[in-house]
Amino acid sequence: MNDINIELAEILEVEMVSDSDNLEEFDLWDSLALLSIAAFIDANYNVQIGTDDFENVKTLAQIKELIKT
C-alpha cells in the first residue's frame, strides 16, 4: 500500500505523506483531494469509498483501514 502514500503526496503536492500525518493540516486537503483519492482507491484497489466515508478520517493510516474493510 505504499503507492497510496506516493499518490496522496502527489495529490497534496508535497514530497511525502506518512501514515500518521494529520491530513487536514495540508493546504490542499479539500473536497477535490477527497475525490481524487477515492478515484485512486477505486481504480487501484477496486474499493468504492464515498466522500462521506472520509468524514472521520484524519490520517493516511485511517484511509488504509477504510480500504481494508
Protein backbone atom coordinates (compact mmCIF):
# COMPACT_ATOMS: atom_id res chain seq x y z
CA MET A 1 0.00 0.00 0.00
CA ASN A 2 2.99 2.30 -0.31
CA ASP A 3 1.67 3.51 -3.65
CA ILE A 4 -1.16 5.27 -1.83
CA ASN A 5 1.43 7.30 0.12
CA ILE A 6 3.01 8.37 -3.17
CA GLU A 7 -0.33 9.17 -4.82
CA LEU A 8 -1.58 11.18 -1.85
CA ALA A 9 1.67 13.15 -1.78
CA GLU A 10 1.16 13.95 -5.46
CA ILE A 11 -2.46 14.99 -4.89
CA LEU A 12 -1.44 17.22 -1.98
CA GLU A 13 1.61 18.50 -3.89
CA VAL A 14 4.07 17.62 -1.11
CA GLU A 15 7.19 15.47 -1.08
CA MET A 16 5.77 12.77 1.16
CA VAL A 17 2.89 11.83 3.42
CA SER A 18 3.32 9.49 6.35
CA ASP A 19 0.62 7.31 7.86
CA SER A 20 0.38 9.47 11.00
CA ASP A 21 0.20 12.92 9.36
CA ASN A 22 -2.95 14.90 10.10
CA LEU A 23 -4.33 15.30 6.58
CA GLU A 24 -6.38 18.36 7.46
CA GLU A 25 -3.13 20.26 8.06
CA PHE A 26 -2.19 20.07 4.37
CA ASP A 27 -3.14 23.17 2.38
CA LEU A 28 -4.58 21.13 -0.50
CA TRP A 29 -6.66 18.71 1.63
CA ASP A 30 -10.12 19.60 0.35
CA SER A 31 -13.09 18.05 -1.44
CA LEU A 32 -11.12 17.75 -4.68
CA ALA A 33 -8.38 15.83 -2.86
CA LEU A 34 -11.04 13.53 -1.39
CA LEU A 35 -12.49 12.83 -4.83
CA SER A 36 -9.03 12.21 -6.27
CA ILE A 37 -8.03 9.75 -3.55
CA ALA A 38 -11.42 7.99 -3.77
CA ALA A 39 -10.93 7.59 -7.53
CA PHE A 40 -7.39 6.29 -6.99
CA ILE A 41 -8.61 3.75 -4.43
CA ASP A 42 -11.38 2.59 -6.76
CA ALA A 43 -9.01 2.24 -9.72
CA ASN A 44 -6.18 0.54 -7.83
CA TYR A 45 -7.91 -1.46 -5.10
CA ASN A 46 -11.40 -1.95 -6.57
CA VAL A 47 -12.90 -0.46 -3.41
CA GLN A 48 -15.59 2.19 -3.65
CA ILE A 49 -15.30 4.83 -0.95
CA GLY A 50 -17.60 7.82 -0.95
CA THR A 51 -16.52 11.23 0.24
CA ASP A 52 -18.84 10.85 3.24
CA ASP A 53 -16.70 7.86 4.32
CA PHE A 54 -13.87 10.35 4.88
CA GLU A 55 -15.90 12.26 7.47
CA ASN A 56 -13.97 10.89 10.46
CA VAL A 57 -10.69 10.22 8.65
CA LYS A 58 -7.78 12.27 9.93
CA THR A 59 -4.72 10.25 8.83
CA LEU A 60 -3.47 8.16 5.95
CA ALA A 61 -3.47 5.15 8.28
CA GLN A 62 -7.24 5.60 8.66
CA ILE A 63 -7.64 5.72 4.86
CA LYS A 64 -5.73 2.45 4.62
CA GLU A 65 -8.10 0.95 7.20
CA LEU A 66 -11.07 2.03 5.06
CA ILE A 67 -9.55 0.17 2.13
CA LYS A 68 -9.09 -2.99 4.20
CA THR A 69 -12.68 -3.03 5.50
